[in-house]
PDB file of N, CA and C in Angstrom:
ATOM      1  N   MET A   1     -14.641  -1.958 -12.518  1.00  0.00           N
ATOM      2  CA  MET A   1     -13.727  -2.471 -13.518  1.00  0.00           C
ATOM      3  C   MET A   1     -12.982  -3.658 -12.942  1.00  0.00           C
ATOM      4  N   ARG A   2     -12.949  -4.735 -13.645  1.00  0.00           N
ATOM      5  CA  ARG A   2     -12.252  -5.927 -13.196  1.00  0.00           C
ATOM      6  C   ARG A   2     -10.914  -6.016 -13.920  1.00  0.00           C
ATOM      7  N   VAL A   3      -9.856  -6.183 -13.164  1.00  0.00           N
ATOM      8  CA  VAL A   3      -8.521  -6.282 -13.738  1.00  0.00           C
ATOM      9  C   VAL A   3      -8.153  -7.750 -13.785  1.00  0.00           C
ATOM     10  N   THR A   4      -7.817  -8.258 -14.947  1.00  0.00           N
ATOM     11  CA  THR A   4      -7.455  -9.664 -15.075  1.00  0.00           C
ATOM     12  C   THR A   4      -6.038  -9.883 -14.577  1.00  0.00           C
ATOM     13  N   LYS A   5      -5.719 -11.131 -14.239  1.00  0.00           N
ATOM     14  CA  LYS A   5      -4.386 -11.431 -13.724  1.00  0.00           C
ATOM     15  C   LYS A   5      -3.273 -11.045 -14.686  1.00  0.00           C
ATOM     16  N   PRO A   6      -3.379 -11.387 -15.997  1.00  0.00           N
ATOM     17  CA  PRO A   6      -2.293 -10.959 -16.890  1.00  0.00           C
ATOM     18  C   PRO A   6      -2.119  -9.449 -16.918  1.00  0.00           C
ATOM     19  N   LEU A   7      -3.225  -8.730 -16.888  1.00  0.00           N
ATOM     20  CA  LEU A   7      -3.136  -7.270 -16.896  1.00  0.00           C
ATOM     21  C   LEU A   7      -2.516  -6.765 -15.600  1.00  0.00           C
ATOM     22  N   LEU A   8      -2.879  -7.380 -14.483  1.00  0.00           N
ATOM     23  CA  LEU A   8      -2.328  -6.982 -13.192  1.00  0.00           C
ATOM     24  C   LEU A   8      -0.823  -7.193 -13.157  1.00  0.00           C
ATOM     25  N   PHE A   9      -0.354  -8.292 -13.724  1.00  0.00           N
ATOM     26  CA  PHE A   9       1.081  -8.558 -13.738  1.00  0.00           C
ATOM     27  C   PHE A   9       1.835  -7.588 -14.639  1.00  0.00           C
ATOM     28  N   LEU A  10       1.156  -6.990 -15.593  1.00  0.00           N
ATOM     29  CA  LEU A  10       1.779  -5.961 -16.420  1.00  0.00           C
ATOM     30  C   LEU A  10       1.752  -4.603 -15.734  1.00  0.00           C
ATOM     31  N   LEU A  11       0.665  -4.302 -15.029  1.00  0.00           N
ATOM     32  CA  LEU A  11       0.519  -2.998 -14.385  1.00  0.00           C
ATOM     33  C   LEU A  11       1.411  -2.847 -13.158  1.00  0.00           C
ATOM     34  N   LEU A  12       1.502  -3.871 -12.349  1.00  0.00           N
ATOM     35  CA  LEU A  12       2.240  -3.761 -11.096  1.00  0.00           C
ATOM     36  C   LEU A  12       3.712  -3.425 -11.308  1.00  0.00           C
ATOM     37  N   PRO A  13       4.448  -4.145 -12.178  1.00  0.00           N
ATOM     38  CA  PRO A  13       5.851  -3.748 -12.393  1.00  0.00           C
ATOM     39  C   PRO A  13       5.979  -2.332 -12.954  1.00  0.00           C
ATOM     40  N   THR A  14       5.046  -1.953 -13.812  1.00  0.00           N
ATOM     41  CA  THR A  14       5.069  -0.603 -14.371  1.00  0.00           C
ATOM     42  C   THR A  14       4.915   0.427 -13.267  1.00  0.00           C
ATOM     43  N   CYS A  15       3.980   0.190 -12.367  1.00  0.00           N
ATOM     44  CA  CYS A  15       3.766   1.121 -11.254  1.00  0.00           C
ATOM     45  C   CYS A  15       4.993   1.189 -10.354  1.00  0.00           C
ATOM     46  N   LEU A  16       5.607   0.045 -10.108  1.00  0.00           N
ATOM     47  CA  LEU A  16       6.788   0.029  -9.250  1.00  0.00           C
ATOM     48  C   LEU A  16       7.939   0.806  -9.895  1.00  0.00           C
ATOM     49  N   LEU A  17       8.097   0.645 -11.199  1.00  0.00           N
ATOM     50  CA  LEU A  17       9.156   1.369 -11.890  1.00  0.00           C
ATOM     51  C   LEU A  17       8.912   2.869 -11.894  1.00  0.00           C
ATOM     52  N   LEU A  18       7.662   3.266 -11.999  1.00  0.00           N
ATOM     53  CA  LEU A  18       7.334   4.692 -12.044  1.00  0.00           C
ATOM     54  C   LEU A  18       7.226   5.309 -10.661  1.00  0.00           C
ATOM     55  N   GLY A  19       7.273   4.482  -9.624  1.00  0.00           N
ATOM     56  CA  GLY A  19       7.192   5.009  -8.271  1.00  0.00           C
ATOM     57  C   GLY A  19       5.779   5.280  -7.814  1.00  0.00           C
ATOM     58  N   SER A  20       4.798   4.809  -8.545  1.00  0.00           N
ATOM     59  CA  SER A  20       3.405   5.011  -8.173  1.00  0.00           C
ATOM     60  C   SER A  20       2.789   3.678  -7.823  1.00  0.00           C
ATOM     61  N   PHE A  21       2.184   3.607  -6.672  1.00  0.00           N
ATOM     62  CA  PHE A  21       1.564   2.360  -6.231  1.00  0.00           C
ATOM     63  C   PHE A  21       0.052   2.429  -6.355  1.00  0.00           C
ATOM     64  N   ALA A  22      -0.458   3.388  -7.101  1.00  0.00           N
ATOM     65  CA  ALA A  22      -1.896   3.601  -7.194  1.00  0.00           C
ATOM     66  C   ALA A  22      -2.629   2.399  -7.765  1.00  0.00           C
ATOM     67  N   CYS A  23      -2.007   1.651  -8.659  1.00  0.00           N
ATOM     68  CA  CYS A  23      -2.737   0.541  -9.267  1.00  0.00           C
ATOM     69  C   CYS A  23      -2.935  -0.608  -8.296  1.00  0.00           C
ATOM     70  N   ARG A  24      -2.252  -0.646  -7.166  1.00  0.00           N
ATOM     71  CA  ARG A  24      -2.472  -1.717  -6.203  1.00  0.00           C
ATOM     72  C   ARG A  24      -3.834  -1.581  -5.537  1.00  0.00           C
ATOM     73  N   ALA A  25      -4.392  -0.404  -5.573  1.00  0.00           N
ATOM     74  CA  ALA A  25      -5.695  -0.195  -4.954  1.00  0.00           C
ATOM     75  C   ALA A  25      -6.814  -0.859  -5.744  1.00  0.00           C
ATOM     76  N   VAL A  26      -6.567  -1.249  -6.987  1.00  0.00           N
ATOM     77  CA  VAL A  26      -7.600  -1.886  -7.797  1.00  0.00           C
ATOM     78  C   VAL A  26      -7.351  -3.377  -7.949  1.00  0.00           C
ATOM     79  N   ALA A  27      -6.836  -4.007  -6.907  1.00  0.00           N
ATOM     80  CA  ALA A  27      -6.604  -5.453  -6.948  1.00  0.00           C
ATOM     81  C   ALA A  27      -7.916  -6.167  -7.242  1.00  0.00           C
ATOM     82  N   PRO A  28      -7.870  -7.178  -8.089  1.00  0.00           N
ATOM     83  CA  PRO A  28      -9.113  -7.862  -8.454  1.00  0.00           C
ATOM     84  C   PRO A  28      -9.696  -8.656  -7.294  1.00  0.00           C
ATOM     85  N   ASP A  29     -10.998  -8.899  -7.357  1.00  0.00           N
ATOM     86  CA  ASP A  29     -11.607  -9.812  -6.400  1.00  0.00           C
ATOM     87  C   ASP A  29     -10.953 -11.161  -6.593  1.00  0.00           C
ATOM     88  N   SER A  30     -10.769 -11.905  -5.529  1.00  0.00           N
ATOM     89  CA  SER A  30     -10.155 -13.211  -5.692  1.00  0.00           C
ATOM     90  C   SER A  30     -11.119 -14.128  -6.435  1.00  0.00           C
ATOM     91  N   GLU A  31     -10.566 -15.013  -7.211  1.00  0.00           N
ATOM     92  CA  GLU A  31     -11.391 -15.885  -8.040  1.00  0.00           C
ATOM     93  C   GLU A  31     -12.041 -17.000  -7.236  1.00  0.00           C
ATOM     94  N   ASN A  32     -11.537 -17.267  -6.021  1.00  0.00           N
ATOM     95  CA  ASN A  32     -12.120 -18.342  -5.222  1.00  0.00           C
ATOM     96  C   ASN A  32     -13.185 -17.836  -4.257  1.00  0.00           C
ATOM     97  N   GLY A  33     -13.622 -16.600  -4.420  1.00  0.00           N
ATOM     98  CA  GLY A  33     -14.718 -16.073  -3.620  1.00  0.00           C
ATOM     99  C   GLY A  33     -14.324 -15.422  -2.312  1.00  0.00           C
ATOM    100  N   GLU A  34     -13.027 -15.433  -1.981  1.00  0.00           N
ATOM    101  CA  GLU A  34     -12.594 -14.797  -0.740  1.00  0.00           C
ATOM    102  C   GLU A  34     -12.549 -13.280  -0.948  1.00  0.00           C
ATOM    103  N   PRO A  35     -12.746 -12.506   0.121  1.00  0.00           N
ATOM    104  CA  PRO A  35     -12.704 -11.043  -0.026  1.00  0.00           C
ATOM    105  C   PRO A  35     -11.292 -10.564  -0.343  1.00  0.00           C
ATOM    106  N   ARG A  36     -11.226  -9.353  -0.890  1.00  0.00           N
ATOM    107  CA  ARG A  36      -9.933  -8.742  -1.173  1.00  0.00           C
ATOM    108  C   ARG A  36      -9.171  -8.511   0.125  1.00  0.00           C
ATOM    109  N   GLN A  37      -7.861  -8.373  -0.009  1.00  0.00           N
ATOM    110  CA  GLN A  37      -7.045  -8.047   1.152  1.00  0.00           C
ATOM    111  C   GLN A  37      -7.393  -6.655   1.650  1.00  0.00           C
ATOM    112  N   GLN A  38      -7.329  -6.472   2.941  1.00  0.00           N
ATOM    113  CA  GLN A  38      -7.575  -5.169   3.538  1.00  0.00           C
ATOM    114  C   GLN A  38      -6.259  -4.411   3.655  1.00  0.00           C
ATOM    115  N   VAL A  39      -6.310  -3.114   3.403  1.00  0.00           N
ATOM    116  CA  VAL A  39      -5.135  -2.266   3.579  1.00  0.00           C
ATOM    117  C   VAL A  39      -4.846  -2.195   5.067  1.00  0.00           C
ATOM    118  N   LYS A  40      -3.623  -2.507   5.450  1.00  0.00           N
ATOM    119  CA  LYS A  40      -3.258  -2.497   6.864  1.00  0.00           C
ATOM    120  C   LYS A  40      -2.382  -1.313   7.242  1.00  0.00           C
ATOM    121  N   TYR A  41      -1.647  -0.789   6.263  1.00  0.00           N
ATOM    122  CA  TYR A  41      -0.740   0.316   6.532  1.00  0.00           C
ATOM    123  C   TYR A  41      -0.822   1.331   5.400  1.00  0.00           C
ATOM    124  N   ILE A  42      -0.636   2.602   5.751  1.00  0.00           N
ATOM    125  CA  ILE A  42      -0.637   3.696   4.787  1.00  0.00           C
ATOM    126  C   ILE A  42       0.732   4.356   4.839  1.00  0.00           C
ATOM    127  N   GLY A  43       1.373   4.470   3.673  1.00  0.00           N
ATOM    128  CA  GLY A  43       2.692   5.076   3.616  1.00  0.00           C
ATOM    129  C   GLY A  43       2.657   6.405   2.887  1.00  0.00           C
ATOM    130  N   CYS A  44       3.697   7.181   3.102  1.00  0.00           N
ATOM    131  CA  CYS A  44       3.867   8.458   2.406  1.00  0.00           C
ATOM    132  C   CYS A  44       5.140   8.360   1.582  1.00  0.00           C
ATOM    133  N   SER A  45       4.995   8.483   0.249  1.00  0.00           N
ATOM    134  CA  SER A  45       6.160   8.360  -0.627  1.00  0.00           C
ATOM    135  C   SER A  45       7.129   9.521  -0.464  1.00  0.00           C
ATOM    136  N   GLY A  46       6.676  10.642   0.078  1.00  0.00           N
ATOM    137  CA  GLY A  46       7.558  11.788   0.297  1.00  0.00           C
ATOM    138  C   GLY A  46       8.487  11.603   1.488  1.00  0.00           C
ATOM    139  N   THR A  47       7.966  11.024   2.563  1.00  0.00           N
ATOM    140  CA  THR A  47       8.761  10.843   3.781  1.00  0.00           C
ATOM    141  C   THR A  47       9.292   9.429   3.952  1.00  0.00           C
ATOM    142  N   MET A  48       8.734   8.485   3.165  1.00  0.00           N
ATOM    143  CA  MET A  48       9.081   7.065   3.265  1.00  0.00           C
ATOM    144  C   MET A  48       8.773   6.506   4.655  1.00  0.00           C
ATOM    145  N   VAL A  49       7.667   6.988   5.253  1.00  0.00           N
ATOM    146  CA  VAL A  49       7.192   6.530   6.556  1.00  0.00           C
ATOM    147  C   VAL A  49       5.827   5.883   6.346  1.00  0.00           C
ATOM    148  N   PHE A  50       5.566   4.764   7.069  1.00  0.00           N
ATOM    149  CA  PHE A  50       4.244   4.162   6.978  1.00  0.00           C
ATOM    150  C   PHE A  50       3.574   4.153   8.342  1.00  0.00           C
ATOM    151  N   HIS A  51       2.237   4.192   8.316  1.00  0.00           N
ATOM    152  CA  HIS A  51       1.413   4.353   9.508  1.00  0.00           C
ATOM    153  C   HIS A  51       0.335   3.275   9.558  1.00  0.00           C
ATOM    154  N   THR A  52      -0.231   3.047  10.742  1.00  0.00           N
ATOM    155  CA  THR A  52      -1.409   2.202  10.847  1.00  0.00           C
ATOM    156  C   THR A  52      -2.580   2.969  10.246  1.00  0.00           C
ATOM    157  N   THR A  53      -3.655   2.265   9.941  1.00  0.00           N
ATOM    158  CA  THR A  53      -4.797   2.922   9.300  1.00  0.00           C
ATOM    159  C   THR A  53      -5.535   3.872  10.235  1.00  0.00           C
ATOM    160  N   ASP A  54      -5.279   3.805  11.537  1.00  0.00           N
ATOM    161  CA  ASP A  54      -5.941   4.724  12.462  1.00  0.00           C
ATOM    162  C   ASP A  54      -5.004   5.788  13.040  1.00  0.00           C
ATOM    163  N   CYS A  55      -3.792   5.888  12.508  1.00  0.00           N
ATOM    164  CA  CYS A  55      -2.841   6.905  12.975  1.00  0.00           C
ATOM    165  C   CYS A  55      -3.310   8.294  12.549  1.00  0.00           C
ATOM    166  N   ARG A  56      -3.147   9.265  13.421  1.00  0.00           N
ATOM    167  CA  ARG A  56      -3.596  10.622  13.092  1.00  0.00           C
ATOM    168  C   ARG A  56      -2.764  11.237  11.969  1.00  0.00           C
ATOM    169  N   TYR A  57      -1.531  10.807  11.795  1.00  0.00           N
ATOM    170  CA  TYR A  57      -0.668  11.391  10.773  1.00  0.00           C
ATOM    171  C   TYR A  57      -0.963  10.880   9.366  1.00  0.00           C
ATOM    172  N   ARG A  58      -1.650   9.772   9.228  1.00  0.00           N
ATOM    173  CA  ARG A  58      -1.988   9.286   7.889  1.00  0.00           C
ATOM    174  C   ARG A  58      -3.011  10.191   7.224  1.00  0.00           C
ATOM    175  N   GLU A  59      -3.738  10.970   8.017  1.00  0.00           N
ATOM    176  CA  GLU A  59      -4.757  11.870   7.467  1.00  0.00           C
ATOM    177  C   GLU A  59      -4.159  13.053   6.710  1.00  0.00           C
ATOM    178  N   ILE A  60      -2.912  13.401   6.989  1.00  0.00           N
ATOM    179  CA  ILE A  60      -2.307  14.570   6.345  1.00  0.00           C
ATOM    180  C   ILE A  60      -1.486  14.206   5.109  1.00  0.00           C
ATOM    181  N   ILE A  61      -1.472  12.919   4.739  1.00  0.00           N
ATOM    182  CA  ILE A  61      -0.735  12.498   3.548  1.00  0.00           C
ATOM    183  C   ILE A  61      -1.508  12.935   2.304  1.00  0.00           C
ATOM    184  N   LYS A  62      -0.844  13.634   1.419  1.00  0.00           N
ATOM    185  CA  LYS A  62      -1.480  14.069   0.174  1.00  0.00           C
ATOM    186  C   LYS A  62      -1.854  12.831  -0.646  1.00  0.00           C
ATOM    187  N   PRO A  63      -2.978  12.880  -1.338  1.00  0.00           N
ATOM    188  CA  PRO A  63      -3.414  11.717  -2.134  1.00  0.00           C
ATOM    189  C   PRO A  63      -2.357  11.227  -3.125  1.00  0.00           C
ATOM    190  N   GLU A  64      -1.615  12.137  -3.721  1.00  0.00           N
ATOM    191  CA  GLU A  64      -0.609  11.712  -4.700  1.00  0.00           C
ATOM    192  C   GLU A  64       0.608  11.050  -4.059  1.00  0.00           C
ATOM    193  N   ASN A  65       0.781  11.202  -2.733  1.00  0.00           N
ATOM    194  CA  ASN A  65       1.890  10.582  -2.015  1.00  0.00           C
ATOM    195  C   ASN A  65       1.470   9.341  -1.233  1.00  0.00           C
ATOM    196  N   ARG A  66       0.199   9.016  -1.280  1.00  0.00           N
ATOM    197  CA  ARG A  66      -0.352   7.913  -0.487  1.00  0.00           C
ATOM    198  C   ARG A  66      -0.011   6.554  -1.104  1.00  0.00           C
ATOM    199  N   VAL A  67       0.518   5.648  -0.275  1.00  0.00           N
ATOM    200  CA  VAL A  67       0.871   4.295  -0.693  1.00  0.00           C
ATOM    201  C   VAL A  67       0.181   3.331   0.259  1.00  0.00           C
ATOM    202  N   GLU A  68      -0.487   2.318  -0.275  1.00  0.00           N
ATOM    203  CA  GLU A  68      -1.200   1.353   0.562  1.00  0.00           C
ATOM    204  C   GLU A  68      -0.426   0.049   0.617  1.00  0.00           C
ATOM    205  N   PHE A  69      -0.278  -0.472   1.824  1.00  0.00           N
ATOM    206  CA  PHE A  69       0.413  -1.742   2.029  1.00  0.00           C
ATOM    207  C   PHE A  69      -0.546  -2.730   2.683  1.00  0.00           C
ATOM    208  N   PHE A  70      -0.410  -3.989   2.301  1.00  0.00           N
ATOM    209  CA  PHE A  70      -1.285  -5.033   2.819  1.00  0.00           C
ATOM    210  C   PHE A  70      -0.608  -5.857   3.910  1.00  0.00           C
ATOM    211  N   SER A  71       0.684  -5.631   4.143  1.00  0.00           N
ATOM    212  CA  SER A  71       1.388  -6.347   5.204  1.00  0.00           C
ATOM    213  C   SER A  71       2.582  -5.523   5.684  1.00  0.00           C
ATOM    214  N   LEU A  72       3.034  -5.849   6.854  1.00  0.00           N
ATOM    215  CA  LEU A  72       4.212  -5.197   7.431  1.00  0.00           C
ATOM    216  C   LEU A  72       5.439  -5.490   6.579  1.00  0.00           C
ATOM    217  N   GLU A  73       5.568  -6.731   6.128  1.00  0.00           N
ATOM    218  CA  GLU A  73       6.708  -7.139   5.314  1.00  0.00           C
ATOM    219  C   GLU A  73       6.762  -6.360   3.997  1.00  0.00           C
ATOM    220  N   GLU A  74       5.596  -6.097   3.429  1.00  0.00           N
ATOM    221  CA  GLU A  74       5.528  -5.336   2.178  1.00  0.00           C
ATOM    222  C   GLU A  74       6.036  -3.913   2.389  1.00  0.00           C
ATOM    223  N   ALA A  75       5.620  -3.278   3.469  1.00  0.00           N
ATOM    224  CA  ALA A  75       6.056  -1.912   3.758  1.00  0.00           C
ATOM    225  C   ALA A  75       7.556  -1.851   4.033  1.00  0.00           C
ATOM    226  N   LEU A  76       8.035  -2.760   4.845  1.00  0.00           N
ATOM    227  CA  LEU A  76       9.467  -2.780   5.152  1.00  0.00           C
ATOM    228  C   LEU A  76      10.288  -3.143   3.928  1.00  0.00           C
ATOM    229  N   GLY A  77       9.766  -4.033   3.093  1.00  0.00           N
ATOM    230  CA  GLY A  77      10.452  -4.436   1.865  1.00  0.00           C
ATOM    231  C   GLY A  77      10.559  -3.308   0.853  1.00  0.00           C
ATOM    232  N   ALA A  78       9.668  -2.332   0.949  1.00  0.00           N
ATOM    233  CA  ALA A  78       9.712  -1.167   0.055  1.00  0.00           C
ATOM    234  C   ALA A  78      10.573  -0.055   0.656  1.00  0.00           C
ATOM    235  N   ASP A  79      11.325  -0.366   1.712  1.00  0.00           N
ATOM    236  CA  ASP A  79      12.239   0.575   2.378  1.00  0.00           C
ATOM    237  C   ASP A  79      11.531   1.728   3.075  1.00  0.00           C
ATOM    238  N   TYR A  80      10.301   1.488   3.544  1.00  0.00           N
ATOM    239  CA  TYR A  80       9.600   2.473   4.366  1.00  0.00           C
ATOM    240  C   TYR A  80       9.917   2.176   5.820  1.00  0.00           C
ATOM    241  N   ARG A  81       9.974   3.218   6.645  1.00  0.00           N
ATOM    242  CA  ARG A  81      10.217   3.016   8.075  1.00  0.00           C
ATOM    243  C   ARG A  81       8.914   3.224   8.832  1.00  0.00           C
ATOM    244  N   PRO A  82       8.764   2.555   9.987  1.00  0.00           N
ATOM    245  CA  PRO A  82       7.526   2.704  10.774  1.00  0.00           C
ATOM    246  C   PRO A  82       7.430   4.083  11.410  1.00  0.00           C
ATOM    247  N   CYS A  83       6.215   4.572  11.555  1.00  0.00           N
ATOM    248  CA  CYS A  83       5.938   5.832  12.233  1.00  0.00           C
ATOM    249  C   CYS A  83       6.351   5.700  13.699  1.00  0.00           C
ATOM    250  N   LYS A  84       6.948   6.746  14.245  1.00  0.00           N
ATOM    251  CA  LYS A  84       7.380   6.717  15.644  1.00  0.00           C
ATOM    252  C   LYS A  84       6.233   6.997  16.608  1.00  0.00           C
ATOM    253  N   VAL A  85       5.081   7.422  16.074  1.00  0.00           N
ATOM    254  CA  VAL A  85       3.919   7.714  16.933  1.00  0.00           C
ATOM    255  C   VAL A  85       3.033   6.476  17.074  1.00  0.00           C
ATOM    256  N   CYS A  86       2.571   5.924  15.949  1.00  0.00           N
ATOM    257  CA  CYS A  86       1.643   4.781  16.017  1.00  0.00           C
ATOM    258  C   CYS A  86       2.353   3.448  16.111  1.00  0.00           C
ATOM    259  N   LYS A  87       3.639   3.391  15.804  1.00  0.00           N
ATOM    260  CA  LYS A  87       4.486   2.206  15.917  1.00  0.00           C
ATOM    261  C   LYS A  87       3.882   0.967  15.268  1.00  0.00           C
ATOM    262  N   PRO A  88       3.676   0.993  13.948  1.00  0.00           N
ATOM    263  CA  PRO A  88       3.141  -0.190  13.282  1.00  0.00           C
ATOM    264  C   PRO A  88       4.079  -1.378  13.426  1.00  0.00           C
ATOM    265  N   GLY A  89       3.508  -2.529  13.664  1.00  0.00           N
ATOM    266  CA  GLY A  89       4.307  -3.730  13.837  1.00  0.00           C
ATOM    267  C   GLY A  89       4.892  -3.873  15.230  1.00  0.00           C
ATOM    268  N   GLY A  90       4.549  -2.957  16.131  1.00  0.00           N
ATOM    269  CA  GLY A  90       4.997  -3.060  17.523  1.00  0.00           C
ATOM    270  C   GLY A  90       6.420  -2.616  17.764  1.00  0.00           C
ATOM    271  N   ASN A  91       7.010  -1.836  16.871  1.00  0.00           N
ATOM    272  CA  ASN A  91       8.399  -1.350  17.055  1.00  0.00           C
ATOM    273  C   ASN A  91       8.455  -0.266  18.085  1.00  0.00           C
TER     274      ASN A  91
END
Protein backbone atom coordinates (compact mmCIF):
# COMPACT_ATOMS: atom_id res chain seq x y z
CA MET A 1 0.00 0.00 0.00
CA ARG A 2 1.40 3.37 -0.95
CA VAL A 3 0.58 6.29 1.31
CA THR A 4 0.47 9.65 -0.45
CA LYS A 5 2.00 12.74 1.12
CA PRO A 6 -1.34 14.46 1.83
CA LEU A 7 -2.61 11.30 3.48
CA LEU A 8 0.60 10.95 5.49
CA PHE A 9 0.27 14.50 6.78
CA LEU A 10 -3.24 13.68 7.96
CA LEU A 11 -2.31 10.36 9.56
CA LEU A 12 0.80 11.45 11.44
CA PRO A 13 -0.83 14.18 13.58
CA THR A 14 -3.73 11.82 14.28
CA CYS A 15 -1.33 9.12 15.46
CA LEU A 16 0.56 11.58 17.63
CA LEU A 17 -2.66 12.78 19.25
CA LEU A 18 -3.81 9.23 19.93
CA GLY A 19 -0.43 8.20 21.30
CA SER A 20 0.11 5.56 18.63
CA PHE A 21 3.10 5.78 16.35
CA ALA A 22 2.17 2.71 14.31
CA CYS A 23 1.49 4.66 11.13
CA ARG A 24 5.12 5.84 10.98
CA ALA A 25 6.09 2.31 10.03
CA VAL A 26 4.32 2.73 6.67
CA ALA A 27 6.30 5.74 5.48
CA PRO A 28 6.11 5.98 1.71
CA ASP A 29 9.02 5.24 -0.57
CA SER A 30 10.75 8.48 -1.38
CA GLU A 31 9.72 9.94 -4.70
CA ASN A 32 13.31 10.62 -5.77
CA GLY A 33 14.26 6.94 -5.69
CA GLU A 34 16.19 6.96 -2.42
CA PRO A 35 15.48 4.12 0.04
CA ARG A 36 13.24 4.65 3.04
CA GLN A 37 14.78 5.71 6.32
CA GLN A 38 15.98 2.88 8.51
CA VAL A 39 14.65 2.52 12.05
CA LYS A 40 17.54 3.35 14.36
CA TYR A 41 15.89 3.19 17.77
CA ILE A 42 13.03 1.23 19.32
CA GLY A 43 11.04 2.78 22.15
CA CYS A 44 8.53 1.46 24.65
CA SER A 45 5.50 3.69 25.20
CA GLY A 46 4.92 2.08 28.61
CA THR A 47 8.33 2.90 30.07
CA MET A 48 9.22 5.86 27.81
CA VAL A 49 12.67 4.31 27.25
CA PHE A 50 14.29 3.85 23.83
CA HIS A 51 16.89 1.28 22.78
CA THR A 52 19.25 0.58 19.90
CA THR A 53 17.97 -1.96 17.40
CA ASP A 54 20.35 -4.61 18.76
CA CYS A 55 19.65 -4.09 22.48
CA ARG A 56 18.48 -7.24 24.26
CA TYR A 57 15.70 -5.31 26.04
CA ARG A 58 13.98 -4.20 22.83
CA GLU A 59 12.97 -7.84 22.29
CA ILE A 60 10.65 -7.82 25.32
CA ILE A 61 8.64 -4.76 24.22
CA LYS A 62 5.04 -5.72 23.51
CA PRO A 63 4.02 -4.97 19.91
CA GLU A 64 1.32 -2.55 21.04
CA ASN A 65 3.91 -0.55 23.04
CA ARG A 66 6.57 -0.52 20.32
CA VAL A 67 7.57 2.89 18.91
CA GLU A 68 10.06 3.28 16.05
CA PHE A 69 12.37 6.28 15.81
CA PHE A 70 14.51 7.26 12.84
CA SER A 71 16.88 9.56 14.76
CA LEU A 72 18.17 10.28 18.23
CA GLU A 73 16.63 13.76 18.11
CA GLU A 74 13.22 12.29 17.31
CA ALA A 75 13.35 9.96 20.32
CA LEU A 76 14.54 12.65 22.70
CA GLY A 77 12.01 15.11 21.27
CA ALA A 78 9.22 12.66 22.13
CA ASP A 79 10.42 12.74 25.79
CA TYR A 80 11.86 9.22 25.74
CA ARG A 81 15.01 8.56 27.77
CA PRO A 82 17.93 6.41 26.57
CA CYS A 83 18.31 2.85 27.84
CA LYS A 84 20.96 2.57 30.57
CA VAL A 85 22.19 -0.75 29.14
CA CYS A 86 22.70 -0.10 25.41
CA LYS A 87 23.22 3.68 25.83
CA PRO A 88 21.84 4.93 22.51
CA GLY A 89 23.52 8.10 21.36
CA GLY A 90 26.58 7.41 23.51
CA ASN A 91 25.11 8.65 26.83
